[in-house]
Amino acid sequence: KKIKISVQDIDINSINVIDDINIKTDESIRINPVINNNDKIYANLTFESNDVNIVKVDNYGNVTSVSPGETSIKIKCDNIIEEVKVKVNSTIKEIEKISLVDNNITLKKGSKMKLISMIEPMDATDTKLTWTSNSGNAVVDNYGTVIGNQFGVSIITVETSNGKKATCTIMVIDSTIKVTDLSLDKTN
């Protein structure tokens, strides 16, 4: 069989996109522009992202999100330029509140204890925590385990990626120090 194909030049006078684009991070979508009010016409279009840090677009109109934010994509053909707004929404659910089970702990020098944190909401997806100590009296690792290092007081802080904090005061005692004197604050 023979098929007759005729190629015609299209005089493009309009490029339209039905709606603005709303996508989530790690999501892709394809732009389907309407040319001359006919969605069956295909033309030599070029696509350009105004901010490649938010979305990237290839030569076929496939849009891939990079990070949350708003930008636009230019669709060009000959002298016609159309812009479509793009909004990338984050799929990250941040921690709204953090607390520690214990707020004050007495710890013997050389012993250790794991601090337990509680977060809200429980289904948060960004659960990265940073643990710090304000002094060398007690040290803390990346998982909340505290070690009594030397006699004194330390404040351990746990912080979320979005800046929420909770603290625990650690009193490190030296069990080898003997009591040499005892007094009361009242005589009667």
C-alpha atoms as a PDB file:
ATOM      1  CA  LYS A   1       0.000   0.000   0.000  1.00  0.00           C
ATOM      2  CA  LYS A   2       1.023   3.538  -0.597  1.00  0.00           C
ATOM      3  CA  ILE A   3       0.123   6.390   1.675  1.00  0.00           C
ATOM      4  CA  LYS A   4       0.200   9.910   0.438  1.00  0.00           C
ATOM      5  CA  ILE A   5       1.608  12.355   2.989  1.00  0.00           C
ATOM      6  CA  SER A   6       1.311  16.041   2.439  1.00  0.00           C
ATOM      7  CA  VAL A   7       3.333  18.429   4.586  1.00  0.00           C
ATOM      8  CA  GLN A   8       1.898  21.878   5.114  1.00  0.00           C
ATOM      9  CA  ASP A   9       3.393  24.897   6.748  1.00  0.00           C
ATOM     10  CA  ILE A  10       1.349  26.075   9.690  1.00  0.00           C
ATOM     11  CA  ASP A  11       0.998  29.742  10.242  1.00  0.00           C
ATOM     12  CA  ILE A  12       1.069  29.813  14.024  1.00  0.00           C
ATOM     13  CA  ASN A  13      -0.718  32.761  15.553  1.00  0.00           C
ATOM     14  CA  SER A  14      -1.386  31.444  19.062  1.00  0.00           C
ATOM     15  CA  ILE A  15      -0.032  28.984  21.613  1.00  0.00           C
ATOM     16  CA  ASN A  16      -2.230  28.275  24.608  1.00  0.00           C
ATOM     17  CA  VAL A  17      -1.900  26.127  27.694  1.00  0.00           C
ATOM     18  CA  ILE A  18      -5.172  25.301  29.413  1.00  0.00           C
ATOM     19  CA  ASP A  19      -4.094  25.661  33.078  1.00  0.00           C
ATOM     20  CA  ASP A  20      -1.191  26.608  35.270  1.00  0.00           C
ATOM     21  CA  ILE A  21       0.839  23.629  36.441  1.00  0.00           C
ATOM     22  CA  ASN A  22       0.822  22.406  40.056  1.00  0.00           C
ATOM     23  CA  ILE A  23       3.112  19.479  40.828  1.00  0.00           C
ATOM     24  CA  LYS A  24       4.850  18.001  43.856  1.00  0.00           C
ATOM     25  CA  THR A  25       8.545  17.476  44.389  1.00  0.00           C
ATOM     26  CA  ASP A  26       9.824  14.362  42.580  1.00  0.00           C
ATOM     27  CA  GLU A  27       6.911  14.508  40.131  1.00  0.00           C
ATOM     28  CA  SER A  28       6.820  15.001  36.352  1.00  0.00           C
ATOM     29  CA  ILE A  29       4.165  16.193  33.937  1.00  0.00           C
ATOM     30  CA  ARG A  30       3.967  16.968  30.217  1.00  0.00           C
ATOM     31  CA  ILE A  31       2.817  20.298  28.814  1.00  0.00           C
ATOM     32  CA  ASN A  32       0.354  19.864  25.953  1.00  0.00           C
ATOM     33  CA  PRO A  33      -0.007  23.265  24.290  1.00  0.00           C
ATOM     34  CA  VAL A  34      -2.919  24.052  21.988  1.00  0.00           C
ATOM     35  CA  ILE A  35      -1.848  25.705  18.729  1.00  0.00           C
ATOM     36  CA  ASN A  36      -4.274  27.928  16.824  1.00  0.00           C
ATOM     37  CA  ASN A  37      -7.092  26.576  19.045  1.00  0.00           C
ATOM     38  CA  ASN A  38      -6.513  23.074  17.672  1.00  0.00           C
ATOM     39  CA  ASP A  39      -5.014  20.394  19.911  1.00  0.00           C
ATOM     40  CA  LYS A  40      -4.252  18.177  16.885  1.00  0.00           C
ATOM     41  CA  ILE A  41      -1.690  20.546  15.401  1.00  0.00           C
ATOM     42  CA  TYR A  42       1.925  19.797  16.262  1.00  0.00           C
ATOM     43  CA  ALA A  43       4.638  22.336  15.637  1.00  0.00           C
ATOM     44  CA  ASN A  44       8.314  22.888  16.257  1.00  0.00           C
ATOM     45  CA  LEU A  45       8.064  24.256  19.774  1.00  0.00           C
ATOM     46  CA  THR A  46      10.850  25.041  22.206  1.00  0.00           C
ATOM     47  CA  PHE A  47      10.460  25.000  25.978  1.00  0.00           C
ATOM     48  CA  GLU A  48      12.520  26.955  28.492  1.00  0.00           C
ATOM     49  CA  SER A  49      12.344  27.031  32.294  1.00  0.00           C
ATOM     50  CA  ASN A  50      12.780  30.439  33.891  1.00  0.00           C
ATOM     51  CA  ASP A  51      14.332  28.783  36.979  1.00  0.00           C
ATOM     52  CA  VAL A  52      16.001  25.386  36.534  1.00  0.00           C
ATOM     53  CA  ASN A  53      16.450  25.158  40.324  1.00  0.00           C
ATOM     54  CA  ILE A  54      12.659  24.734  40.623  1.00  0.00           C
ATOM     55  CA  VAL A  55      11.709  22.864  37.415  1.00  0.00           C
ATOM     56  CA  LYS A  56      13.471  21.509  34.356  1.00  0.00           C
ATOM     57  CA  VAL A  57      11.815  21.038  30.981  1.00  0.00           C
ATOM     58  CA  ASP A  58      13.033  19.060  27.959  1.00  0.00           C
ATOM     59  CA  ASN A  59      12.481  19.629  24.211  1.00  0.00           C
ATOM     60  CA  TYR A  60       9.200  17.679  24.306  1.00  0.00           C
ATOM     61  CA  GLY A  61       7.566  19.664  27.126  1.00  0.00           C
ATOM     62  CA  ASN A  62       8.235  17.144  29.883  1.00  0.00           C
ATOM     63  CA  VAL A  63       8.449  19.100  33.133  1.00  0.00           C
ATOM     64  CA  THR A  64      10.362  17.637  36.093  1.00  0.00           C
ATOM     65  CA  SER A  65      10.280  19.246  39.527  1.00  0.00           C
ATOM     66  CA  VAL A  66      13.559  19.993  41.284  1.00  0.00           C
ATOM     67  CA  SER A  67      12.605  21.849  44.478  1.00  0.00           C
ATOM     68  CA  PRO A  68       9.595  23.670  45.978  1.00  0.00           C
ATOM     69  CA  GLY A  69       8.833  27.137  44.600  1.00  0.00           C
ATOM     70  CA  GLU A  70       7.145  29.052  41.807  1.00  0.00           C
ATOM     71  CA  THR A  71       8.433  29.875  38.341  1.00  0.00           C
ATOM     72  CA  SER A  72       7.242  29.764  34.746  1.00  0.00           C
ATOM     73  CA  ILE A  73       8.051  27.989  31.495  1.00  0.00           C
ATOM     74  CA  LYS A  74       8.278  29.766  28.158  1.00  0.00           C
ATOM     75  CA  ILE A  75       6.848  28.003  25.112  1.00  0.00           C
ATOM     76  CA  LYS A  76       8.201  29.454  21.863  1.00  0.00           C
ATOM     77  CA  CYS A  77       7.525  28.996  18.183  1.00  0.00           C
ATOM     78  CA  ASP A  78       8.607  31.543  15.579  1.00  0.00           C
ATOM     79  CA  ASN A  79       7.722  34.936  17.101  1.00  0.00           C
ATOM     80  CA  ILE A  80       5.006  33.613  19.427  1.00  0.00           C
ATOM     81  CA  ILE A  81       5.869  33.177  23.119  1.00  0.00           C
ATOM     82  CA  GLU A  82       3.486  31.827  25.741  1.00  0.00           C
ATOM     83  CA  GLU A  83       4.289  31.466  29.440  1.00  0.00           C
ATOM     84  CA  VAL A  84       2.772  28.951  31.802  1.00  0.00           C
ATOM     85  CA  LYS A  85       3.080  29.326  35.576  1.00  0.00           C
ATOM     86  CA  VAL A  86       4.463  26.372  37.496  1.00  0.00           C
ATOM     87  CA  LYS A  87       4.163  25.791  41.242  1.00  0.00           C
ATOM     88  CA  VAL A  88       6.098  22.973  42.895  1.00  0.00           C
ATOM     89  CA  ASN A  89       4.691  21.921  46.268  1.00  0.00           C
ATOM     90  CA  SER A  90       6.835  20.155  48.830  1.00  0.00           C
ATOM     91  CA  THR A  91       6.002  16.585  49.766  1.00  0.00           C
ATOM     92  CA  ILE A  92       7.987  16.995  52.983  1.00  0.00           C
ATOM     93  CA  LYS A  93       5.908  17.033  56.147  1.00  0.00           C
ATOM     94  CA  GLU A  94       7.876  18.918  58.791  1.00  0.00           C
ATOM     95  CA  ILE A  95       7.960  18.388  62.539  1.00  0.00           C
ATOM     96  CA  GLU A  96       5.703  20.892  64.291  1.00  0.00           C
ATOM     97  CA  LYS A  97       6.707  20.111  67.884  1.00  0.00           C
ATOM     98  CA  ILE A  98       9.492  18.205  69.625  1.00  0.00           C
ATOM     99  CA  SER A  99       9.946  17.302  73.281  1.00  0.00           C
ATOM    100  CA  LEU A 100      12.113  15.006  75.393  1.00  0.00           C
ATOM    101  CA  VAL A 101      10.778  12.372  77.782  1.00  0.00           C
ATOM    102  CA  ASP A 102      13.206  13.596  80.482  1.00  0.00           C
ATOM    103  CA  ASN A 103      14.056  17.251  81.149  1.00  0.00           C
ATOM    104  CA  ASN A 104      16.428  16.807  84.116  1.00  0.00           C
ATOM    105  CA  ILE A 105      18.778  13.875  84.604  1.00  0.00           C
ATOM    106  CA  THR A 106      21.512  13.065  87.107  1.00  0.00           C
ATOM    107  CA  LEU A 107      24.211  10.918  85.557  1.00  0.00           C
ATOM    108  CA  LYS A 108      27.313   9.373  87.121  1.00  0.00           C
ATOM    109  CA  LYS A 109      30.634  10.232  85.553  1.00  0.00           C
ATOM    110  CA  GLY A 110      31.462   7.596  82.900  1.00  0.00           C
ATOM    111  CA  SER A 111      27.901   6.288  82.570  1.00  0.00           C
ATOM    112  CA  LYS A 112      25.603   6.828  79.639  1.00  0.00           C
ATOM    113  CA  MET A 113      21.906   7.168  78.876  1.00  0.00           C
ATOM    114  CA  LYS A 114      19.857   7.493  75.698  1.00  0.00           C
ATOM    115  CA  LEU A 115      17.524  10.487  75.547  1.00  0.00           C
ATOM    116  CA  ILE A 116      14.162   9.788  73.920  1.00  0.00           C
ATOM    117  CA  SER A 117      12.536  12.455  71.756  1.00  0.00           C
ATOM    118  CA  MET A 118       8.865  12.709  70.837  1.00  0.00           C
ATOM    119  CA  ILE A 119       7.748  14.497  67.673  1.00  0.00           C
ATOM    120  CA  GLU A 120       4.431  15.816  66.419  1.00  0.00           C
ATOM    121  CA  PRO A 121       2.922  14.987  64.037  1.00  0.00           C
ATOM    122  CA  MET A 122       3.970  11.369  64.236  1.00  0.00           C
ATOM    123  CA  ASP A 123       3.780  11.007  60.432  1.00  0.00           C
ATOM    124  CA  ALA A 124       6.328  13.787  59.755  1.00  0.00           C
ATOM    125  CA  THR A 125       8.648  12.860  56.889  1.00  0.00           C
ATOM    126  CA  ASP A 126      11.567  15.185  57.682  1.00  0.00           C
ATOM    127  CA  THR A 127      12.756  13.544  60.905  1.00  0.00           C
ATOM    128  CA  LYS A 128      16.406  14.610  60.855  1.00  0.00           C
ATOM    129  CA  LEU A 129      17.509  15.622  64.365  1.00  0.00           C
ATOM    130  CA  THR A 130      20.697  17.348  65.505  1.00  0.00           C
ATOM    131  CA  TRP A 131      21.949  16.773  69.063  1.00  0.00           C
ATOM    132  CA  THR A 132      24.351  19.194  70.806  1.00  0.00           C
ATOM    133  CA  SER A 133      25.812  19.806  74.270  1.00  0.00           C
ATOM    134  CA  ASN A 134      26.661  23.269  75.597  1.00  0.00           C
ATOM    135  CA  SER A 135      29.668  21.992  77.599  1.00  0.00           C
ATOM    136  CA  GLY A 136      32.069  19.092  77.890  1.00  0.00           C
ATOM    137  CA  ASN A 137      30.581  17.918  81.201  1.00  0.00           C
ATOM    138  CA  ALA A 138      28.219  15.666  79.255  1.00  0.00           C
ATOM    139  CA  VAL A 139      28.649  14.794  75.590  1.00  0.00           C
ATOM    140  CA  VAL A 140      25.966  13.570  73.198  1.00  0.00           C
ATOM    141  CA  ASP A 141      26.215  11.594  69.955  1.00  0.00           C
ATOM    142  CA  ASN A 142      24.114  11.874  66.772  1.00  0.00           C
ATOM    143  CA  TYR A 143      21.499   9.481  68.200  1.00  0.00           C
ATOM    144  CA  GLY A 144      20.862  11.177  71.574  1.00  0.00           C
ATOM    145  CA  THR A 145      23.103   8.985  73.737  1.00  0.00           C
ATOM    146  CA  VAL A 146      24.599  11.104  76.535  1.00  0.00           C
ATOM    147  CA  ILE A 147      27.845  10.218  78.345  1.00  0.00           C
ATOM    148  CA  GLY A 148      28.784  11.773  81.695  1.00  0.00           C
ATOM    149  CA  ASN A 149      32.251  13.122  81.031  1.00  0.00           C
ATOM    150  CA  GLN A 150      33.164  15.226  84.072  1.00  0.00           C
ATOM    151  CA  PHE A 151      31.539  16.718  87.164  1.00  0.00           C
ATOM    152  CA  GLY A 152      29.194  19.615  86.322  1.00  0.00           C
ATOM    153  CA  VAL A 153      26.080  20.598  84.400  1.00  0.00           C
ATOM    154  CA  SER A 154      25.402  20.384  80.655  1.00  0.00           C
ATOM    155  CA  ILE A 155      22.359  21.301  78.631  1.00  0.00           C
ATOM    156  CA  ILE A 156      21.635  18.892  75.803  1.00  0.00           C
ATOM    157  CA  THR A 157      19.631  20.332  72.908  1.00  0.00           C
ATOM    158  CA  VAL A 158      17.856  18.414  70.168  1.00  0.00           C
ATOM    159  CA  GLU A 159      16.889  20.463  67.087  1.00  0.00           C
ATOM    160  CA  THR A 160      14.800  19.644  64.011  1.00  0.00           C
ATOM    161  CA  SER A 161      15.610  20.687  60.439  1.00  0.00           C
ATOM    162  CA  ASN A 162      13.044  23.500  60.671  1.00  0.00           C
ATOM    163  CA  GLY A 163      14.401  24.899  63.962  1.00  0.00           C
ATOM    164  CA  LYS A 164      12.144  23.336  66.627  1.00  0.00           C
ATOM    165  CA  LYS A 165      14.079  22.602  69.853  1.00  0.00           C
ATOM    166  CA  ALA A 166      13.862  20.726  73.148  1.00  0.00           C
ATOM    167  CA  THR A 167      16.410  20.622  75.992  1.00  0.00           C
ATOM    168  CA  CYS A 168      17.448  18.417  78.884  1.00  0.00           C
ATOM    169  CA  THR A 169      19.663  19.465  81.809  1.00  0.00           C
ATOM    170  CA  ILE A 170      22.259  16.838  82.710  1.00  0.00           C
ATOM    171  CA  MET A 171      23.949  16.939  86.144  1.00  0.00           C
ATOM    172  CA  VAL A 172      27.082  14.802  86.074  1.00  0.00           C
ATOM    173  CA  ILE A 173      28.162  13.589  89.519  1.00  0.00           C
ATOM    174  CA  ASP A 174      31.393  11.943  90.533  1.00  0.00           C
ATOM    175  CA  SER A 175      30.572   8.853  92.581  1.00  0.00           C
ATOM    176  CA  THR A 176      34.113   8.699  94.020  1.00  0.00           C
ATOM    177  CA  ILE A 177      33.740  11.976  95.967  1.00  0.00           C
ATOM    178  CA  LYS A 178      33.089  11.210  99.646  1.00  0.00           C
ATOM    179  CA  VAL A 179      30.785  13.310 101.801  1.00  0.00           C
ATOM    180  CA  THR A 180      32.882  15.250 104.341  1.00  0.00           C
ATOM    181  CA  ASP A 181      30.248  17.498 105.906  1.00  0.00           C
ATOM    182  CA  LEU A 182      26.482  17.617 106.214  1.00  0.00           C
ATOM    183  CA  SER A 183      24.270  20.508 107.268  1.00  0.00           C
ATOM    184  CA  LEU A 184      20.580  21.407 107.265  1.00  0.00           C
ATOM    185  CA  ASP A 185      19.029  24.682 106.156  1.00  0.00           C
ATOM    186  CA  LYS A 186      16.839  24.798 109.313  1.00  0.00           C
ATOM    187  CA  THR A 187      17.691  24.179 112.950  1.00  0.00           C
ATOM    188  CA  ASN A 188      14.124  23.827 114.271  1.00  0.00           C
END
